[in-house]
N, C-alpha and C. Protein backbone atom coordinates (compact mmCIF):
# COMPACT_ATOMS: atom_id res chain seq x y z
N MET A 1 -16.65 8.45 1.57
CA MET A 1 -16.42 8.26 3.06
C MET A 1 -14.58 8.34 3.37
N LYS A 2 -14.23 8.90 4.32
CA LYS A 2 -12.87 9.32 4.48
C LYS A 2 -12.26 8.13 5.82
N LEU A 3 -11.50 7.50 5.28
CA LEU A 3 -10.86 6.58 5.99
C LEU A 3 -9.56 6.83 6.89
N ARG A 4 -9.32 6.74 8.14
CA ARG A 4 -8.07 7.06 9.30
C ARG A 4 -7.65 5.93 9.76
N PRO A 5 -6.42 5.12 9.37
CA PRO A 5 -5.98 4.20 10.12
C PRO A 5 -5.14 4.55 11.31
N LEU A 6 -5.56 3.74 12.02
CA LEU A 6 -5.09 3.71 13.39
C LEU A 6 -3.56 3.33 13.81
N HIS A 7 -2.89 3.73 14.65
CA HIS A 7 -1.55 3.29 15.24
C HIS A 7 -0.79 3.52 13.90
N ASP A 8 0.08 2.21 13.46
CA ASP A 8 0.89 2.07 12.60
C ASP A 8 0.25 1.68 11.25
N ARG A 9 -0.82 1.52 10.98
CA ARG A 9 -1.46 1.25 9.53
C ARG A 9 -1.67 2.22 8.75
N ILE A 10 -1.32 1.77 7.46
CA ILE A 10 -1.53 2.63 6.44
C ILE A 10 -2.87 2.04 5.40
N ILE A 11 -3.13 3.09 4.39
CA ILE A 11 -3.87 2.62 3.45
C ILE A 11 -3.50 2.74 1.91
N VAL A 12 -3.52 1.86 1.20
CA VAL A 12 -2.46 1.92 0.07
C VAL A 12 -3.66 1.29 -1.45
N LYS A 13 -3.45 2.05 -2.19
CA LYS A 13 -4.13 2.12 -3.38
C LYS A 13 -3.36 1.38 -4.06
N ARG A 14 -3.59 -0.02 -4.91
CA ARG A 14 -2.63 -0.75 -5.46
C ARG A 14 -2.23 0.21 -7.13
N LEU A 15 -1.32 0.52 -7.72
CA LEU A 15 -0.94 0.81 -8.94
C LEU A 15 -1.41 -0.24 -10.02
N ASP A 16 -1.68 0.36 -11.23
CA ASP A 16 -2.13 -0.80 -12.32
C ASP A 16 -0.69 -1.57 -12.49
N GLY A 17 -0.68 -2.72 -13.07
CA GLY A 17 0.34 -3.61 -13.37
C GLY A 17 0.38 -3.68 -14.80
N GLU A 18 1.38 -4.29 -15.23
CA GLU A 18 1.90 -4.57 -16.68
C GLU A 18 0.83 -5.01 -17.42
N GLU A 19 0.57 -4.09 -18.47
CA GLU A 19 -0.06 -4.70 -19.64
C GLU A 19 0.59 -5.67 -20.58
N LYS A 20 1.99 -5.84 -20.70
CA LYS A 20 2.32 -6.47 -21.74
C LYS A 20 3.72 -7.09 -21.18
N THR A 21 4.19 -8.03 -21.93
CA THR A 21 5.71 -8.19 -21.12
C THR A 21 6.99 -7.54 -21.65
N ALA A 22 8.03 -8.07 -21.49
CA ALA A 22 9.05 -7.71 -22.16
C ALA A 22 9.36 -7.57 -23.37
N GLY A 23 8.89 -8.89 -23.58
CA GLY A 23 9.11 -9.38 -25.32
C GLY A 23 7.75 -8.81 -26.16
N GLY A 24 6.97 -7.71 -25.67
CA GLY A 24 5.51 -7.30 -26.19
C GLY A 24 4.32 -8.28 -26.50
N LEU A 25 4.44 -9.06 -25.78
CA LEU A 25 2.70 -10.03 -25.49
C LEU A 25 1.99 -9.29 -24.39
N TYR A 26 0.75 -9.08 -25.04
CA TYR A 26 -0.42 -8.84 -24.12
C TYR A 26 -0.77 -10.03 -22.98
N ILE A 27 -0.92 -9.46 -21.67
CA ILE A 27 -1.34 -10.57 -20.77
C ILE A 27 -2.62 -10.12 -20.67
N PRO A 28 -3.54 -11.47 -20.68
CA PRO A 28 -5.07 -11.13 -20.30
C PRO A 28 -5.02 -11.33 -18.84
N ASP A 29 -6.45 -10.53 -18.56
CA ASP A 29 -6.67 -10.15 -16.85
C ASP A 29 -6.65 -11.30 -16.26
N THR A 30 -6.99 -12.38 -16.58
CA THR A 30 -6.97 -13.71 -15.93
C THR A 30 -5.78 -14.15 -15.76
N ALA A 31 -4.84 -13.97 -16.41
CA ALA A 31 -3.19 -14.33 -15.83
C ALA A 31 -2.36 -13.22 -15.14
N LYS A 32 -2.98 -12.00 -15.16
CA LYS A 32 -2.16 -10.94 -14.49
C LYS A 32 -2.10 -11.38 -12.88
N GLU A 33 -1.07 -11.03 -12.29
CA GLU A 33 -0.81 -10.87 -10.82
C GLU A 33 -1.22 -9.65 -10.38
N LYS A 34 -1.37 -9.60 -9.28
CA LYS A 34 -1.69 -7.94 -8.70
C LYS A 34 -0.66 -7.51 -8.36
N PRO A 35 -0.32 -6.11 -8.59
CA PRO A 35 0.75 -5.77 -8.36
C PRO A 35 1.25 -5.61 -7.14
N GLN A 36 2.38 -5.14 -6.94
CA GLN A 36 3.10 -4.94 -5.62
C GLN A 36 3.90 -3.59 -5.28
N LYS A 37 3.18 -2.81 -6.40
CA LYS A 37 3.45 -1.13 -5.94
C LYS A 37 2.06 -0.59 -5.63
N GLY A 38 2.02 0.12 -5.01
CA GLY A 38 0.78 1.32 -4.82
C GLY A 38 1.27 2.88 -4.42
N GLU A 39 0.37 3.28 -3.93
CA GLU A 39 0.35 4.77 -3.66
C GLU A 39 -0.34 4.90 -2.00
N VAL A 40 0.23 5.43 -1.26
CA VAL A 40 -0.28 5.46 0.27
C VAL A 40 -1.39 6.52 0.09
N ILE A 41 -2.57 6.22 0.71
CA ILE A 41 -3.58 7.32 0.65
C ILE A 41 -3.89 7.71 1.98
N ALA A 42 -3.38 7.01 3.19
CA ALA A 42 -3.83 7.65 4.34
C ALA A 42 -2.79 6.78 5.33
N VAL A 43 -2.53 7.29 6.29
CA VAL A 43 -1.30 7.03 7.38
C VAL A 43 -2.14 7.25 8.76
N GLY A 44 -1.53 6.18 9.56
CA GLY A 44 -1.92 6.44 10.95
C GLY A 44 -1.20 7.22 11.84
N ASN A 45 -1.49 7.75 13.04
CA ASN A 45 -0.68 8.61 13.74
C ASN A 45 1.00 8.05 14.31
N GLY A 46 1.18 6.82 14.06
CA GLY A 46 2.41 6.09 14.67
C GLY A 46 2.19 5.01 15.78
N LYS A 47 3.20 4.41 15.94
CA LYS A 47 3.26 3.02 16.76
C LYS A 47 3.72 4.00 18.11
N LYS A 48 3.12 3.03 19.15
CA LYS A 48 3.47 3.77 20.71
C LYS A 48 4.87 2.91 21.10
N ASN A 49 5.81 3.62 21.64
CA ASN A 49 7.02 3.00 21.84
C ASN A 49 6.89 2.44 23.27
N ASP A 50 7.64 2.15 24.04
CA ASP A 50 7.61 1.77 25.42
C ASP A 50 7.50 2.74 26.40
N GLU A 51 7.93 3.89 26.03
CA GLU A 51 7.44 5.21 27.03
C GLU A 51 6.31 5.83 26.98
N GLY A 52 5.45 5.06 25.68
CA GLY A 52 4.17 5.32 25.42
C GLY A 52 3.80 6.71 24.85
N LYS A 53 4.98 7.03 23.70
CA LYS A 53 4.90 8.15 22.87
C LYS A 53 5.02 7.75 21.67
N CYS A 54 4.21 8.10 20.65
CA CYS A 54 3.97 8.07 19.15
C CYS A 54 5.38 8.13 18.48
N ALA A 55 5.65 6.87 18.13
CA ALA A 55 6.97 7.15 16.99
C ALA A 55 6.34 7.41 15.67
N PRO A 56 6.40 8.51 14.69
CA PRO A 56 5.95 8.85 13.44
C PRO A 56 6.39 7.70 12.58
N LEU A 57 5.73 7.61 11.33
CA LEU A 57 5.71 6.98 10.67
C LEU A 57 6.55 7.28 9.36
N ASP A 58 7.51 6.50 8.80
CA ASP A 58 8.45 7.07 7.57
C ASP A 58 7.72 7.03 6.64
N VAL A 59 6.92 6.43 6.06
CA VAL A 59 5.69 6.82 5.00
C VAL A 59 5.00 7.88 5.17
N LYS A 60 4.57 8.43 3.85
CA LYS A 60 3.65 9.58 4.29
C LYS A 60 2.44 9.95 3.30
N VAL A 61 1.53 10.60 3.00
CA VAL A 61 0.53 10.28 1.98
C VAL A 61 1.02 10.69 0.75
N GLY A 62 0.71 10.07 -0.24
CA GLY A 62 1.26 10.55 -1.56
C GLY A 62 2.66 9.58 -1.86
N ASP A 63 3.38 8.72 -1.11
CA ASP A 63 4.15 8.24 -1.46
C ASP A 63 4.00 6.61 -2.08
N SER A 64 5.02 6.72 -3.09
CA SER A 64 4.83 5.39 -4.10
C SER A 64 5.86 4.56 -3.47
N ILE A 65 5.00 3.10 -3.38
CA ILE A 65 6.02 1.85 -2.24
C ILE A 65 5.75 0.70 -2.86
N LEU A 66 6.77 -0.04 -2.32
CA LEU A 66 6.79 -1.75 -3.16
C LEU A 66 6.47 -2.10 -1.63
N PHE A 67 5.26 -3.14 -1.58
CA PHE A 67 5.24 -4.16 -0.88
C PHE A 67 5.19 -5.27 -0.81
N GLY A 68 5.12 -6.17 -0.29
CA GLY A 68 5.05 -7.86 -0.26
C GLY A 68 4.12 -8.30 -0.72
N LYS A 69 3.97 -9.51 -1.49
CA LYS A 69 2.80 -10.06 -2.10
C LYS A 69 1.61 -10.55 -1.61
N TYR A 70 1.99 -10.99 -0.15
CA TYR A 70 0.59 -11.32 0.69
C TYR A 70 0.55 -10.31 1.73
N ALA A 71 1.11 -8.97 1.51
CA ALA A 71 0.79 -7.80 2.45
C ALA A 71 -0.64 -7.03 2.73
N GLY A 72 -0.80 -6.92 4.00
CA GLY A 72 -2.05 -6.30 3.93
C GLY A 72 -3.44 -7.17 3.97
N THR A 73 -4.37 -6.41 4.10
CA THR A 73 -6.20 -6.92 4.06
C THR A 73 -6.61 -5.95 2.82
N GLU A 74 -7.32 -6.89 2.10
CA GLU A 74 -7.70 -6.00 1.08
C GLU A 74 -9.17 -5.30 1.90
N VAL A 75 -9.43 -4.12 1.46
CA VAL A 75 -11.10 -3.44 1.93
C VAL A 75 -11.53 -3.07 0.77
N LYS A 76 -12.91 -2.92 0.57
CA LYS A 76 -13.60 -2.25 -0.45
C LYS A 76 -14.29 -1.07 0.08
N VAL A 77 -14.06 0.13 -0.45
CA VAL A 77 -14.68 1.42 0.33
C VAL A 77 -15.71 2.22 -0.77
N ASP A 78 -16.73 2.23 -0.74
CA ASP A 78 -17.28 3.26 -1.72
C ASP A 78 -17.12 2.78 -3.63
N GLY A 79 -16.67 1.23 -3.66
CA GLY A 79 -16.55 0.82 -4.74
C GLY A 79 -15.10 0.72 -5.35
N GLU A 80 -14.09 1.14 -4.25
CA GLU A 80 -12.94 1.77 -4.60
C GLU A 80 -12.21 0.45 -3.68
N GLU A 81 -11.16 -0.31 -4.53
CA GLU A 81 -10.46 -1.32 -3.80
C GLU A 81 -9.03 -0.92 -3.00
N TYR A 82 -8.96 -1.29 -1.47
CA TYR A 82 -7.68 -0.62 -1.04
C TYR A 82 -7.25 -1.83 -0.53
N LEU A 83 -5.94 -1.57 0.03
CA LEU A 83 -5.09 -2.42 1.11
C LEU A 83 -4.77 -1.78 2.28
N MET A 84 -5.04 -2.16 3.19
CA MET A 84 -4.67 -2.13 4.83
C MET A 84 -3.40 -2.70 5.11
N MET A 85 -2.31 -2.13 5.78
CA MET A 85 -1.30 -2.75 6.14
C MET A 85 -0.71 -1.98 7.05
N ARG A 86 0.28 -2.84 7.97
CA ARG A 86 1.23 -2.17 8.96
C ARG A 86 2.32 -1.38 7.92
N GLU A 87 2.58 -0.54 8.57
CA GLU A 87 4.31 0.04 7.91
C GLU A 87 5.35 -0.98 7.67
N ASP A 88 5.18 -2.00 8.49
CA ASP A 88 6.39 -3.16 9.10
C ASP A 88 5.93 -3.73 7.25
N ASP A 89 5.04 -3.87 6.61
CA ASP A 89 4.85 -4.56 5.53
C ASP A 89 5.21 -4.04 4.35
N VAL A 90 5.74 -2.44 4.43
CA VAL A 90 6.28 -1.98 3.34
C VAL A 90 7.79 -2.14 3.15
N LEU A 91 8.35 -2.70 1.89
CA LEU A 91 9.52 -3.11 1.74
C LEU A 91 10.38 -1.90 1.29
N ALA A 92 10.06 -1.10 0.26
CA ALA A 92 10.70 0.15 0.15
C ALA A 92 9.62 1.59 -0.35
N VAL A 93 10.08 2.61 -0.45
CA VAL A 93 9.66 3.97 -0.95
C VAL A 93 10.17 4.14 -2.17
N ILE A 94 9.34 4.30 -3.32
CA ILE A 94 10.10 4.67 -4.45
C ILE A 94 10.19 6.11 -4.35
N GLU A 95 11.49 6.68 -4.86
CA GLU A 95 11.66 8.34 -4.41
C GLU A 95 11.96 8.60 -6.52
N ASN A 96 11.51 9.47 -6.46
CA ASN A 96 11.84 9.88 -8.15
C ASN A 96 13.13 11.21 -8.25
């Protein structure tokens, strides 16, 4: 199934979190926090401005992003977990 978000929403797949601490200790699955880093899977057309025209989004498919801890809504499609959020919830785009 293919998802197409509406307006200024984006769909993000979380990237795996760290397996061990800086000191070399392994973190069990039950103690791990959900990562705040992800990859953009799909983007909407953009938000409409006062004139009724769509303003394009700054993020695009394939971008690696940082987002807030409680940002977005978790959705599960075909056994995969995704986050659906507004572009405003994105804190930064990671550039290589």
